[in-house]
Amino acid sequence: MALAGEVGELLAELQWSSDEQIREHLSTDADFRERIEEELADVHLYLLRLADLCGTDLIQASNTKIDRNAQKYPIDKAHGTATKYTRLV
């Protein structure tokens, strides 16, 4: 639950901002950058703690997920689309 709360705090900082606006703020507003970095660190720490409690090697699990996604979403079929893998032709 703490992880969800921290993700919510991070999202509250970014809500209603485009990717371009976020990049702009990160490069020009030191206070904004510091708030984002603090929230990202909180999310990261809670995620690591949850992975530890679950006995999960988060790096290995992430690599496995990336490999699985590469099979489900081949670049030649999935690039530039949000189509679910079961509907890619």
PDB file of N, CA and C in Angstrom:
ATOM      1  N   MET A   1       0.817  -1.194   0.000  1.00  0.00           N
ATOM      2  CA  MET A   1       0.000   0.000   0.000  1.00  0.00           C
ATOM      3  C   MET A   1       0.863   1.261   0.000  1.00  0.00           C
ATOM      4  N   ALA A   2       1.994   1.195   0.707  1.00  0.00           N
ATOM      5  CA  ALA A   2       2.888   2.351   0.725  1.00  0.00           C
ATOM      6  C   ALA A   2       3.430   2.620  -0.673  1.00  0.00           C
ATOM      7  N   LEU A   3       3.722   1.559  -1.425  1.00  0.00           N
ATOM      8  CA  LEU A   3       4.213   1.726  -2.790  1.00  0.00           C
ATOM      9  C   LEU A   3       3.181   2.470  -3.629  1.00  0.00           C
ATOM     10  N   ALA A   4       1.933   2.070  -3.540  1.00  0.00           N
ATOM     11  CA  ALA A   4       0.874   2.745  -4.300  1.00  0.00           C
ATOM     12  C   ALA A   4       0.769   4.216  -3.900  1.00  0.00           C
ATOM     13  N   GLY A   5       0.910   4.493  -2.622  1.00  0.00           N
ATOM     14  CA  GLY A   5       0.864   5.876  -2.160  1.00  0.00           C
ATOM     15  C   GLY A   5       1.990   6.706  -2.743  1.00  0.00           C
ATOM     16  N   GLU A   6       3.193   6.117  -2.769  1.00  0.00           N
ATOM     17  CA  GLU A   6       4.338   6.841  -3.317  1.00  0.00           C
ATOM     18  C   GLU A   6       4.194   7.055  -4.822  1.00  0.00           C
ATOM     19  N   VAL A   7       3.674   6.064  -5.529  1.00  0.00           N
ATOM     20  CA  VAL A   7       3.422   6.231  -6.964  1.00  0.00           C
ATOM     21  C   VAL A   7       2.407   7.359  -7.164  1.00  0.00           C
ATOM     22  N   GLY A   8       1.393   7.409  -6.309  1.00  0.00           N
ATOM     23  CA  GLY A   8       0.405   8.484  -6.386  1.00  0.00           C
ATOM     24  C   GLY A   8       1.033   9.855  -6.194  1.00  0.00           C
ATOM     25  N   GLU A   9       1.973   9.956  -5.244  1.00  0.00           N
ATOM     26  CA  GLU A   9       2.655  11.227  -5.023  1.00  0.00           C
ATOM     27  C   GLU A   9       3.485  11.633  -6.242  1.00  0.00           C
ATOM     28  N   LEU A  10       4.137  10.664  -6.859  1.00  0.00           N
ATOM     29  CA  LEU A  10       4.895  10.933  -8.080  1.00  0.00           C
ATOM     30  C   LEU A  10       3.960  11.398  -9.186  1.00  0.00           C
ATOM     31  N   LEU A  11       2.866  10.690  -9.371  1.00  0.00           N
ATOM     32  CA  LEU A  11       1.931  11.057 -10.432  1.00  0.00           C
ATOM     33  C   LEU A  11       1.302  12.427 -10.199  1.00  0.00           C
ATOM     34  N   ALA A  12       1.093  12.780  -8.936  1.00  0.00           N
ATOM     35  CA  ALA A  12       0.529  14.099  -8.639  1.00  0.00           C
ATOM     36  C   ALA A  12       1.444  15.219  -9.130  1.00  0.00           C
ATOM     37  N   GLU A  13       2.758  14.979  -9.088  1.00  0.00           N
ATOM     38  CA  GLU A  13       3.714  15.978  -9.587  1.00  0.00           C
ATOM     39  C   GLU A  13       3.658  16.102 -11.107  1.00  0.00           C
ATOM     40  N   LEU A  14       3.267  15.031 -11.787  1.00  0.00           N
ATOM     41  CA  LEU A  14       3.336  14.988 -13.252  1.00  0.00           C
ATOM     42  C   LEU A  14       1.971  15.122 -13.929  1.00  0.00           C
ATOM     43  N   GLN A  15       0.919  15.026 -13.139  1.00  0.00           N
ATOM     44  CA  GLN A  15      -0.431  15.023 -13.687  1.00  0.00           C
ATOM     45  C   GLN A  15      -0.679  16.241 -14.569  1.00  0.00           C
ATOM     46  N   TRP A  16      -1.320  16.004 -15.687  1.00  0.00           N
ATOM     47  CA  TRP A  16      -1.726  17.014 -16.657  1.00  0.00           C
ATOM     48  C   TRP A  16      -0.560  17.626 -17.428  1.00  0.00           C
ATOM     49  N   SER A  17       0.636  17.058 -17.296  1.00  0.00           N
ATOM     50  CA  SER A  17       1.789  17.577 -18.037  1.00  0.00           C
ATOM     51  C   SER A  17       2.137  16.635 -19.181  1.00  0.00           C
ATOM     52  N   SER A  18       2.459  17.205 -20.317  1.00  0.00           N
ATOM     53  CA  SER A  18       2.906  16.406 -21.454  1.00  0.00           C
ATOM     54  C   SER A  18       4.358  15.986 -21.220  1.00  0.00           C
ATOM     55  N   ASP A  19       4.819  15.007 -21.984  1.00  0.00           N
ATOM     56  CA  ASP A  19       6.221  14.601 -21.899  1.00  0.00           C
ATOM     57  C   ASP A  19       7.140  15.799 -22.128  1.00  0.00           C
ATOM     58  N   GLU A  20       6.787  16.626 -23.096  1.00  0.00           N
ATOM     59  CA  GLU A  20       7.601  17.800 -23.420  1.00  0.00           C
ATOM     60  C   GLU A  20       7.644  18.780 -22.245  1.00  0.00           C
ATOM     61  N   GLN A  21       6.504  19.001 -21.620  1.00  0.00           N
ATOM     62  CA  GLN A  21       6.465  19.907 -20.466  1.00  0.00           C
ATOM     63  C   GLN A  21       7.299  19.363 -19.305  1.00  0.00           C
ATOM     64  N   ILE A  22       7.217  18.059 -19.090  1.00  0.00           N
ATOM     65  CA  ILE A  22       7.998  17.442 -18.016  1.00  0.00           C
ATOM     66  C   ILE A  22       9.488  17.611 -18.291  1.00  0.00           C
ATOM     67  N   ARG A  23       9.907  17.322 -19.520  1.00  0.00           N
ATOM     68  CA  ARG A  23      11.323  17.503 -19.876  1.00  0.00           C
ATOM     69  C   ARG A  23      11.765  18.952 -19.658  1.00  0.00           C
ATOM     70  N   GLU A  24      10.928  19.881 -20.058  1.00  0.00           N
ATOM     71  CA  GLU A  24      11.235  21.302 -19.890  1.00  0.00           C
ATOM     72  C   GLU A  24      11.404  21.643 -18.411  1.00  0.00           C
ATOM     73  N   HIS A  25      10.458  21.218 -17.597  1.00  0.00           N
ATOM     74  CA  HIS A  25      10.542  21.507 -16.157  1.00  0.00           C
ATOM     75  C   HIS A  25      11.782  20.865 -15.525  1.00  0.00           C
ATOM     76  N   LEU A  26      12.089  19.644 -15.933  1.00  0.00           N
ATOM     77  CA  LEU A  26      13.254  18.964 -15.373  1.00  0.00           C
ATOM     78  C   LEU A  26      14.547  19.702 -15.705  1.00  0.00           C
ATOM     79  N   SER A  27      14.586  20.315 -16.885  1.00  0.00           N
ATOM     80  CA  SER A  27      15.821  20.989 -17.303  1.00  0.00           C
ATOM     81  C   SER A  27      15.916  22.431 -16.816  1.00  0.00           C
ATOM     82  N   THR A  28      14.796  23.023 -16.376  1.00  0.00           N
ATOM     83  CA  THR A  28      14.827  24.440 -16.004  1.00  0.00           C
ATOM     84  C   THR A  28      14.437  24.735 -14.559  1.00  0.00           C
ATOM     85  N   ASP A  29      13.831  23.787 -13.886  1.00  0.00           N
ATOM     86  CA  ASP A  29      13.305  24.033 -12.539  1.00  0.00           C
ATOM     87  C   ASP A  29      13.936  23.052 -11.551  1.00  0.00           C
ATOM     88  N   ALA A  30      14.925  23.531 -10.822  1.00  0.00           N
ATOM     89  CA  ALA A  30      15.664  22.671  -9.893  1.00  0.00           C
ATOM     90  C   ALA A  30      14.770  22.111  -8.787  1.00  0.00           C
ATOM     91  N   ASP A  31      13.825  22.900  -8.310  1.00  0.00           N
ATOM     92  CA  ASP A  31      12.918  22.416  -7.261  1.00  0.00           C
ATOM     93  C   ASP A  31      12.042  21.283  -7.784  1.00  0.00           C
ATOM     94  N   PHE A  32      11.538  21.439  -9.009  1.00  0.00           N
ATOM     95  CA  PHE A  32      10.732  20.386  -9.618  1.00  0.00           C
ATOM     96  C   PHE A  32      11.559  19.107  -9.759  1.00  0.00           C
ATOM     97  N   ARG A  33      12.773  19.249 -10.287  1.00  0.00           N
ATOM     98  CA  ARG A  33      13.654  18.085 -10.457  1.00  0.00           C
ATOM     99  C   ARG A  33      13.884  17.389  -9.115  1.00  0.00           C
ATOM    100  N   GLU A  34      14.117  18.155  -8.071  1.00  0.00           N
ATOM    101  CA  GLU A  34      14.364  17.568  -6.751  1.00  0.00           C
ATOM    102  C   GLU A  34      13.129  16.810  -6.250  1.00  0.00           C
ATOM    103  N   ARG A  35      11.946  17.387  -6.434  1.00  0.00           N
ATOM    104  CA  ARG A  35      10.717  16.703  -6.004  1.00  0.00           C
ATOM    105  C   ARG A  35      10.531  15.394  -6.759  1.00  0.00           C
ATOM    106  N   ILE A  36      10.771  15.418  -8.068  1.00  0.00           N
ATOM    107  CA  ILE A  36      10.618  14.207  -8.882  1.00  0.00           C
ATOM    108  C   ILE A  36      11.629  13.156  -8.445  1.00  0.00           C
ATOM    109  N   GLU A  37      12.870  13.556  -8.254  1.00  0.00           N
ATOM    110  CA  GLU A  37      13.898  12.605  -7.840  1.00  0.00           C
ATOM    111  C   GLU A  37      13.569  11.987  -6.492  1.00  0.00           C
ATOM    112  N   GLU A  38      13.053  12.783  -5.554  1.00  0.00           N
ATOM    113  CA  GLU A  38      12.673  12.249  -4.244  1.00  0.00           C
ATOM    114  C   GLU A  38      11.536  11.243  -4.363  1.00  0.00           C
ATOM    115  N   GLU A  39      10.532  11.562  -5.169  1.00  0.00           N
ATOM    116  CA  GLU A  39       9.406  10.639  -5.333  1.00  0.00           C
ATOM    117  C   GLU A  39       9.843   9.364  -6.052  1.00  0.00           C
ATOM    118  N   LEU A  40      10.686   9.505  -7.076  1.00  0.00           N
ATOM    119  CA  LEU A  40      11.204   8.318  -7.762  1.00  0.00           C
ATOM    120  C   LEU A  40      11.993   7.433  -6.795  1.00  0.00           C
ATOM    121  N   ALA A  41      12.786   8.054  -5.948  1.00  0.00           N
ATOM    122  CA  ALA A  41      13.558   7.291  -4.966  1.00  0.00           C
ATOM    123  C   ALA A  41      12.628   6.566  -3.997  1.00  0.00           C
ATOM    124  N   ASP A  42      11.566   7.231  -3.549  1.00  0.00           N
ATOM    125  CA  ASP A  42      10.606   6.573  -2.652  1.00  0.00           C
ATOM    126  C   ASP A  42       9.978   5.356  -3.319  1.00  0.00           C
ATOM    127  N   VAL A  43       9.548   5.531  -4.573  1.00  0.00           N
ATOM    128  CA  VAL A  43       8.950   4.412  -5.318  1.00  0.00           C
ATOM    129  C   VAL A  43       9.957   3.278  -5.438  1.00  0.00           C
ATOM    130  N   HIS A  44      11.168   3.613  -5.794  1.00  0.00           N
ATOM    131  CA  HIS A  44      12.227   2.619  -5.981  1.00  0.00           C
ATOM    132  C   HIS A  44      12.484   1.847  -4.681  1.00  0.00           C
ATOM    133  N   LEU A  45      12.596   2.550  -3.582  1.00  0.00           N
ATOM    134  CA  LEU A  45      12.888   1.899  -2.311  1.00  0.00           C
ATOM    135  C   LEU A  45      11.757   0.972  -1.873  1.00  0.00           C
ATOM    136  N   TYR A  46      10.514   1.414  -2.007  1.00  0.00           N
ATOM    137  CA  TYR A  46       9.390   0.552  -1.638  1.00  0.00           C
ATOM    138  C   TYR A  46       9.289  -0.653  -2.573  1.00  0.00           C
ATOM    139  N   LEU A  47       9.573  -0.456  -3.849  1.00  0.00           N
ATOM    140  CA  LEU A  47       9.541  -1.574  -4.795  1.00  0.00           C
ATOM    141  C   LEU A  47      10.626  -2.593  -4.456  1.00  0.00           C
ATOM    142  N   LEU A  48      11.818  -2.108  -4.148  1.00  0.00           N
ATOM    143  CA  LEU A  48      12.896  -3.022  -3.749  1.00  0.00           C
ATOM    144  C   LEU A  48      12.533  -3.788  -2.482  1.00  0.00           C
ATOM    145  N   ARG A  49      11.920  -3.111  -1.535  1.00  0.00           N
ATOM    146  CA  ARG A  49      11.519  -3.771  -0.291  1.00  0.00           C
ATOM    147  C   ARG A  49      10.464  -4.840  -0.565  1.00  0.00           C
ATOM    148  N   LEU A  50       9.505  -4.543  -1.416  1.00  0.00           N
ATOM    149  CA  LEU A  50       8.480  -5.523  -1.759  1.00  0.00           C
ATOM    150  C   LEU A  50       9.093  -6.721  -2.466  1.00  0.00           C
ATOM    151  N   ALA A  51       9.997  -6.477  -3.398  1.00  0.00           N
ATOM    152  CA  ALA A  51      10.671  -7.575  -4.092  1.00  0.00           C
ATOM    153  C   ALA A  51      11.444  -8.441  -3.104  1.00  0.00           C
ATOM    154  N   ASP A  52      12.105  -7.807  -2.147  1.00  0.00           N
ATOM    155  CA  ASP A  52      12.841  -8.553  -1.128  1.00  0.00           C
ATOM    156  C   ASP A  52      11.895  -9.418  -0.300  1.00  0.00           C
ATOM    157  N   LEU A  53      10.785  -8.854   0.122  1.00  0.00           N
ATOM    158  CA  LEU A  53       9.816  -9.619   0.908  1.00  0.00           C
ATOM    159  C   LEU A  53       9.251 -10.806   0.127  1.00  0.00           C
ATOM    160  N   CYS A  54       9.143 -10.644  -1.197  1.00  0.00           N
ATOM    161  CA  CYS A  54       8.619 -11.712  -2.058  1.00  0.00           C
ATOM    162  C   CYS A  54       9.708 -12.696  -2.470  1.00  0.00           C
ATOM    163  N   GLY A  55      10.940 -12.409  -2.113  1.00  0.00           N
ATOM    164  CA  GLY A  55      12.046 -13.275  -2.519  1.00  0.00           C
ATOM    165  C   GLY A  55      12.293 -13.229  -4.015  1.00  0.00           C
ATOM    166  N   THR A  56      12.067 -12.076  -4.601  1.00  0.00           N
ATOM    167  CA  THR A  56      12.187 -11.907  -6.050  1.00  0.00           C
ATOM    168  C   THR A  56      13.454 -11.142  -6.396  1.00  0.00           C
ATOM    169  N   ASP A  57      14.211 -11.692  -7.328  1.00  0.00           N
ATOM    170  CA  ASP A  57      15.347 -10.964  -7.902  1.00  0.00           C
ATOM    171  C   ASP A  57      14.754 -10.033  -8.954  1.00  0.00           C
ATOM    172  N   LEU A  58      14.641  -8.776  -8.610  1.00  0.00           N
ATOM    173  CA  LEU A  58      13.945  -7.822  -9.465  1.00  0.00           C
ATOM    174  C   LEU A  58      14.623  -7.643 -10.815  1.00  0.00           C
ATOM    175  N   ILE A  59      15.946  -7.692 -10.847  1.00  0.00           N
ATOM    176  CA  ILE A  59      16.664  -7.573 -12.124  1.00  0.00           C
ATOM    177  C   ILE A  59      16.342  -8.765 -13.020  1.00  0.00           C
ATOM    178  N   GLN A  60      16.399  -9.968 -12.459  1.00  0.00           N
ATOM    179  CA  GLN A  60      16.097 -11.171 -13.240  1.00  0.00           C
ATOM    180  C   GLN A  60      14.642 -11.166 -13.716  1.00  0.00           C
ATOM    181  N   ALA A  61      13.731 -10.801 -12.829  1.00  0.00           N
ATOM    182  CA  ALA A  61      12.315 -10.747 -13.204  1.00  0.00           C
ATOM    183  C   ALA A  61      12.088  -9.723 -14.316  1.00  0.00           C
ATOM    184  N   SER A  62      12.781  -8.594 -14.232  1.00  0.00           N
ATOM    185  CA  SER A  62      12.653  -7.563 -15.269  1.00  0.00           C
ATOM    186  C   SER A  62      13.193  -8.055 -16.603  1.00  0.00           C
ATOM    187  N   ASN A  63      14.343  -8.709 -16.577  1.00  0.00           N
ATOM    188  CA  ASN A  63      14.910  -9.246 -17.812  1.00  0.00           C
ATOM    189  C   ASN A  63      14.010 -10.304 -18.430  1.00  0.00           C
ATOM    190  N   THR A  64      13.435 -11.155 -17.596  1.00  0.00           N
ATOM    191  CA  THR A  64      12.501 -12.170 -18.092  1.00  0.00           C
ATOM    192  C   THR A  64      11.290 -11.503 -18.743  1.00  0.00           C
ATOM    193  N   LYS A  65      10.768 -10.462 -18.112  1.00  0.00           N
ATOM    194  CA  LYS A  65       9.612  -9.745 -18.656  1.00  0.00           C
ATOM    195  C   LYS A  65       9.955  -9.067 -19.981  1.00  0.00           C
ATOM    196  N   ILE A  66      11.131  -8.471 -20.070  1.00  0.00           N
ATOM    197  CA  ILE A  66      11.559  -7.832 -21.318  1.00  0.00           C
ATOM    198  C   ILE A  66      11.648  -8.866 -22.432  1.00  0.00           C
ATOM    199  N   ASP A  67      12.228 -10.024 -22.133  1.00  0.00           N
ATOM    200  CA  ASP A  67      12.327 -11.097 -23.139  1.00  0.00           C
ATOM    201  C   ASP A  67      10.945 -11.571 -23.570  1.00  0.00           C
ATOM    202  N   ARG A  68      10.052 -11.747 -22.613  1.00  0.00           N
ATOM    203  CA  ARG A  68       8.685 -12.189 -22.915  1.00  0.00           C
ATOM    204  C   ARG A  68       7.972 -11.163 -23.788  1.00  0.00           C
ATOM    205  N   ASN A  69       8.132  -9.882 -23.451  1.00  0.00           N
ATOM    206  CA  ASN A  69       7.497  -8.831 -24.252  1.00  0.00           C
ATOM    207  C   ASN A  69       8.062  -8.777 -25.669  1.00  0.00           C
ATOM    208  N   ALA A  70       9.358  -9.021 -25.803  1.00  0.00           N
ATOM    209  CA  ALA A  70       9.968  -9.025 -27.137  1.00  0.00           C
ATOM    210  C   ALA A  70       9.361 -10.112 -28.012  1.00  0.00           C
ATOM    211  N   GLN A  71       9.006 -11.238 -27.416  1.00  0.00           N
ATOM    212  CA  GLN A  71       8.368 -12.317 -28.174  1.00  0.00           C
ATOM    213  C   GLN A  71       6.914 -11.978 -28.492  1.00  0.00           C
ATOM    214  N   LYS A  72       6.219 -11.387 -27.523  1.00  0.00           N
ATOM    215  CA  LYS A  72       4.806 -11.066 -27.718  1.00  0.00           C
ATOM    216  C   LYS A  72       4.604  -9.872 -28.646  1.00  0.00           C
ATOM    217  N   TYR A  73       5.557  -8.965 -28.632  1.00  0.00           N
ATOM    218  CA  TYR A  73       5.438  -7.729 -29.405  1.00  0.00           C
ATOM    219  C   TYR A  73       6.648  -7.545 -30.315  1.00  0.00           C
ATOM    220  N   PRO A  74       6.763  -8.336 -31.382  1.00  0.00           N
ATOM    221  CA  PRO A  74       7.903  -8.168 -32.286  1.00  0.00           C
ATOM    222  C   PRO A  74       7.894  -6.769 -32.902  1.00  0.00           C
ATOM    223  N   ILE A  75       9.075  -6.209 -33.027  1.00  0.00           N
ATOM    224  CA  ILE A  75       9.206  -4.826 -33.498  1.00  0.00           C
ATOM    225  C   ILE A  75       8.515  -4.619 -34.836  1.00  0.00           C
ATOM    226  N   ASP A  76       8.677  -5.553 -35.753  1.00  0.00           N
ATOM    227  CA  ASP A  76       8.110  -5.369 -37.088  1.00  0.00           C
ATOM    228  C   ASP A  76       6.586  -5.337 -37.082  1.00  0.00           C
ATOM    229  N   LYS A  77       5.945  -5.868 -36.035  1.00  0.00           N
ATOM    230  CA  LYS A  77       4.479  -5.864 -35.970  1.00  0.00           C
ATOM    231  C   LYS A  77       3.941  -4.858 -34.953  1.00  0.00           C
ATOM    232  N   ALA A  78       4.697  -4.572 -33.915  1.00  0.00           N
ATOM    233  CA  ALA A  78       4.157  -3.796 -32.810  1.00  0.00           C
ATOM    234  C   ALA A  78       4.634  -2.343 -32.760  1.00  0.00           C
ATOM    235  N   HIS A  79       5.723  -2.024 -33.452  1.00  0.00           N
ATOM    236  CA  HIS A  79       6.266  -0.665 -33.368  1.00  0.00           C
ATOM    237  C   HIS A  79       5.240   0.364 -33.840  1.00  0.00           C
ATOM    238  N   GLY A  80       5.002   1.363 -33.001  1.00  0.00           N
ATOM    239  CA  GLY A  80       4.122   2.457 -33.373  1.00  0.00           C
ATOM    240  C   GLY A  80       2.648   2.175 -33.194  1.00  0.00           C
ATOM    241  N   THR A  81       2.316   1.076 -32.525  1.00  0.00           N
ATOM    242  CA  THR A  81       0.915   0.754 -32.315  1.00  0.00           C
ATOM    243  C   THR A  81       0.684   0.343 -30.864  1.00  0.00           C
ATOM    244  N   ALA A  82      -0.527   0.533 -30.387  1.00  0.00           N
ATOM    245  CA  ALA A  82      -0.882   0.116 -29.026  1.00  0.00           C
ATOM    246  C   ALA A  82      -1.736  -1.146 -29.064  1.00  0.00           C
ATOM    247  N   THR A  83      -1.726  -1.832 -30.182  1.00  0.00           N
ATOM    248  CA  THR A  83      -2.523  -3.040 -30.357  1.00  0.00           C
ATOM    249  C   THR A  83      -2.036  -4.137 -29.409  1.00  0.00           C
ATOM    250  N   LYS A  84      -2.979  -4.806 -28.747  1.00  0.00           N
ATOM    251  CA  LYS A  84      -2.631  -5.908 -27.850  1.00  0.00           C
ATOM    252  C   LYS A  84      -2.004  -7.038 -28.658  1.00  0.00           C
ATOM    253  N   TYR A  85      -1.061  -7.748 -28.032  1.00  0.00           N
ATOM    254  CA  TYR A  85      -0.305  -8.781 -28.744  1.00  0.00           C
ATOM    255  C   TYR A  85      -1.206  -9.858 -29.359  1.00  0.00           C
ATOM    256  N   THR A  86      -2.345 -10.139 -28.763  1.00  0.00           N
ATOM    257  CA  THR A  86      -3.239 -11.160 -29.297  1.00  0.00           C
ATOM    258  C   THR A  86      -3.915 -10.722 -30.591  1.00  0.00           C
ATOM    259  N   ARG A  87      -3.822  -9.433 -30.931  1.00  0.00           N
ATOM    260  CA  ARG A  87      -4.461  -8.928 -32.140  1.00  0.00           C
ATOM    261  C   ARG A  87      -3.452  -8.501 -33.210  1.00  0.00           C
ATOM    262  N   LEU A  88      -2.169  -8.666 -32.924  1.00  0.00           N
ATOM    263  CA  LEU A  88      -1.163  -8.324 -33.936  1.00  0.00           C
ATOM    264  C   LEU A  88      -1.179  -9.366 -35.035  1.00  0.00           C
ATOM    265  N   VAL A  89      -1.108  -8.901 -36.269  1.00  0.00           N
ATOM    266  CA  VAL A  89      -1.132  -9.819 -37.404  1.00  0.00           C
ATOM    267  C   VAL A  89       0.209  -9.796 -38.084  1.00  0.00           C
TER     268      VAL A  89
END
